[in-house]
């Protein structure tokens, strides 16, 4: 295998892995966020983790492919090395995710509390004041003030000033 073939094979695998990752993102889109994100991380680690095949030539291959081929065809002894690489990268990835999630969680709680306060204030501000209601009623031409919103006649007629 020449260097160009090696790079072409990795490029083809990279495109296929990104396609599989995109499909996985679409499949897990409906899930609860705290379940969806670790599953996406694990699949990304499975698809994108390389492992060394030939230490003399510094040739790498996808760890999941090496593990599967070594177990199915019972050739080589790279399955354990690939499985250890997958485990190591999975642990590193999940640890980094837990750190990121633990930093993100209190920030999101504060933002959610601020949004709730802002919505409560907007709802209180959204109700018109008595002065605004009176001005709106006075400026509406052709509105009979002796009849209320339900169409019933009011008992009291208020003078216009």
Protein backbone atom coordinates (compact mmCIF):
# COMPACT_ATOMS: atom_id res chain seq x y z
CA UNK A 1 0.00 0.00 0.00
CA UNK A 2 1.48 3.30 -1.01
CA UNK A 3 1.21 6.51 0.97
CA UNK A 4 -1.45 7.83 -1.41
CA UNK A 5 -3.55 4.68 -1.03
CA UNK A 6 -3.22 4.92 2.73
CA UNK A 7 -4.39 8.55 2.78
CA UNK A 8 -7.19 7.82 0.31
CA UNK A 9 -8.41 4.93 2.47
CA UNK A 10 -8.42 7.18 5.56
CA UNK A 11 -10.28 9.90 3.66
CA UNK A 12 -12.93 7.42 2.51
CA UNK A 13 -13.26 6.04 6.03
CA UNK A 14 -13.46 9.57 7.47
CA UNK A 15 -16.31 10.51 5.14
CA UNK A 16 -18.14 7.26 5.90
CA UNK A 17 -17.64 7.75 9.65
CA UNK A 18 -18.94 11.33 9.48
CA UNK A 19 -21.96 10.07 7.53
CA UNK A 20 -22.62 7.40 10.17
CA UNK A 21 -22.18 10.01 12.88
CA UNK A 22 -24.69 12.29 11.16
CA UNK A 23 -27.21 9.43 10.98
CA UNK A 24 -26.60 8.67 14.66
CA UNK A 25 -27.17 12.34 15.55
CA UNK A 26 -30.50 12.22 13.69
CA UNK A 27 -31.50 8.95 15.39
CA UNK A 28 -30.77 10.28 18.88
CA UNK A 29 -32.32 13.71 18.32
CA UNK A 30 -35.54 12.83 20.16
CA UNK A 31 -33.83 11.62 23.34
CA UNK A 32 -33.43 13.34 26.67
CA UNK A 33 -30.38 15.61 26.49
CA UNK A 34 -28.43 13.99 29.34
CA UNK A 35 -28.75 10.60 27.63
CA UNK A 36 -28.33 11.80 24.05
CA UNK A 37 -25.00 13.60 24.52
CA UNK A 38 -23.04 10.69 26.13
CA UNK A 39 -24.39 8.28 23.51
CA UNK A 40 -23.27 10.61 20.74
CA UNK A 41 -19.86 10.89 22.37
CA UNK A 42 -19.47 7.10 22.64
CA UNK A 43 -20.37 6.57 18.98
CA UNK A 44 -17.97 9.32 17.94
CA UNK A 45 -15.21 7.62 19.95
CA UNK A 46 -16.06 4.24 18.40
CA UNK A 47 -15.97 5.61 14.87
CA UNK A 48 -13.05 8.01 15.11
CA UNK A 49 -10.50 6.21 17.34
CA UNK A 50 -7.39 5.05 15.50
CA UNK A 51 -5.07 2.31 16.67
CA UNK A 52 -1.59 1.42 15.51
CA UNK A 53 -1.34 -1.61 13.24
CA UNK A 54 2.32 -1.67 12.30
CA UNK A 55 4.62 0.11 14.78
CA UNK A 56 7.56 -0.06 12.39
CA UNK A 57 5.78 1.93 9.67
CA UNK A 58 3.52 4.06 11.90
CA UNK A 59 0.41 2.77 10.16
CA UNK A 60 -2.90 3.35 11.87
CA UNK A 61 -6.35 1.91 11.28
CA UNK A 62 -9.80 2.43 12.87
CA UNK A 63 -9.84 0.62 16.20
CA UNK A 64 -13.38 -0.70 15.78
CA UNK A 65 -12.46 -2.21 12.39
CA UNK A 66 -9.29 -3.83 13.74
CA UNK A 67 -11.18 -5.28 16.71
CA UNK A 68 -13.98 -6.64 14.53
CA UNK A 69 -11.67 -8.14 11.89
CA UNK A 70 -9.34 -9.72 14.42
CA UNK A 71 -12.24 -11.29 16.31
CA UNK A 72 -14.14 -12.49 13.23
CA UNK A 73 -11.21 -13.89 11.25
CA UNK A 74 -9.00 -14.74 14.24
CA UNK A 75 -5.91 -13.21 12.65
CA UNK A 76 -3.35 -11.03 14.36
CA UNK A 77 -3.16 -9.98 17.95
CA UNK A 78 -4.17 -6.36 17.58
CA UNK A 79 -7.71 -6.83 18.96
CA UNK A 80 -6.64 -6.34 22.57
CA UNK A 81 -4.60 -3.27 21.74
CA UNK A 82 -7.50 -1.79 19.76
CA UNK A 83 -9.97 -2.58 22.55
CA UNK A 84 -7.67 -0.89 25.07
CA UNK A 85 -7.41 2.17 22.83
CA UNK A 86 -11.19 2.32 22.55
CA UNK A 87 -11.57 1.99 26.32
CA UNK A 88 -8.94 4.64 27.03
CA UNK A 89 -10.40 7.17 24.60
CA UNK A 90 -13.93 6.44 25.87
CA UNK A 91 -12.88 7.10 29.46
CA UNK A 92 -11.07 10.29 28.49
CA UNK A 93 -14.03 11.48 26.43
CA UNK A 94 -16.61 10.73 29.12
CA UNK A 95 -14.44 12.39 31.78
CA UNK A 96 -14.13 15.54 29.68
CA UNK A 97 -17.89 15.43 29.03
CA UNK A 98 -18.63 15.16 32.75
CA UNK A 99 -16.38 18.14 33.47
CA UNK A 100 -18.06 20.13 30.70
CA UNK A 101 -21.56 19.14 31.88
CA UNK A 102 -20.77 19.97 35.51
CA UNK A 103 -19.59 23.44 34.46
CA UNK A 104 -22.56 23.96 32.13
CA UNK A 105 -25.27 22.85 34.57
CA UNK A 106 -25.19 25.77 37.10
CA UNK A 107 -24.83 28.30 34.29
CA UNK A 108 -27.94 26.95 32.58
CA UNK A 109 -29.87 26.97 35.85
CA UNK A 110 -29.06 30.67 36.33
CA UNK A 111 -30.03 31.46 32.75
CA UNK A 112 -33.30 29.55 33.16
CA UNK A 113 -34.09 31.46 36.36
CA UNK A 114 -33.39 34.78 34.61
CA UNK A 115 -35.63 33.83 31.69
CA UNK A 116 -38.43 32.90 34.08
CA UNK A 117 -38.09 36.24 35.88
CA UNK A 118 -38.04 38.11 32.58
CA UNK A 119 -41.13 36.28 31.32
CA UNK A 120 -42.97 37.04 34.56
CA UNK A 121 -42.01 40.70 34.23
CA UNK A 122 -43.04 40.75 30.57
CA UNK A 123 -46.41 39.24 31.44
CA UNK A 124 -46.94 41.85 34.11
CA UNK A 125 -45.84 44.57 31.69
CA UNK A 126 -47.98 43.10 28.94
CA UNK A 127 -51.23 43.91 30.75
CA UNK A 128 -52.47 47.38 29.82
CA UNK A 129 -52.92 49.96 32.53
CA UNK A 130 -56.24 51.70 33.18
CA UNK A 131 -54.95 54.86 31.51
CA UNK A 132 -53.97 52.90 28.36
CA UNK A 133 -57.37 51.21 28.25
CA UNK A 134 -59.14 54.55 28.60
CA UNK A 135 -57.06 56.18 25.88
CA UNK A 136 -57.64 53.27 23.57
CA UNK A 137 -61.37 53.44 24.14
CA UNK A 138 -61.52 57.20 23.63
CA UNK A 139 -59.55 57.12 20.40
CA UNK A 140 -61.60 54.36 18.80
CA UNK A 141 -64.16 56.08 16.55
CA UNK A 142 -67.64 54.70 16.44
CA UNK A 143 -67.35 52.67 19.61
CA UNK A 144 -70.43 52.83 21.77
CA UNK A 145 -69.31 53.02 25.38
CA UNK A 146 -72.78 52.15 26.61
CA UNK A 147 -72.30 48.53 25.46
CA UNK A 148 -69.63 46.36 27.03
CA UNK A 149 -67.50 43.64 25.42
CA UNK A 150 -70.20 41.00 25.82
CA UNK A 151 -72.74 43.10 23.96
CA UNK A 152 -74.78 43.84 27.11
CA UNK A 153 -76.00 47.33 27.87
CA UNK A 154 -74.23 48.99 30.73
CA UNK A 155 -76.34 50.30 33.54
CA UNK A 156 -74.35 53.41 34.00
CA UNK A 157 -73.35 55.85 31.29
CA UNK A 158 -70.16 57.65 32.07
CA UNK A 159 -69.77 61.18 30.77
CA UNK A 160 -66.92 61.99 28.44
CA UNK A 161 -64.71 64.76 29.59
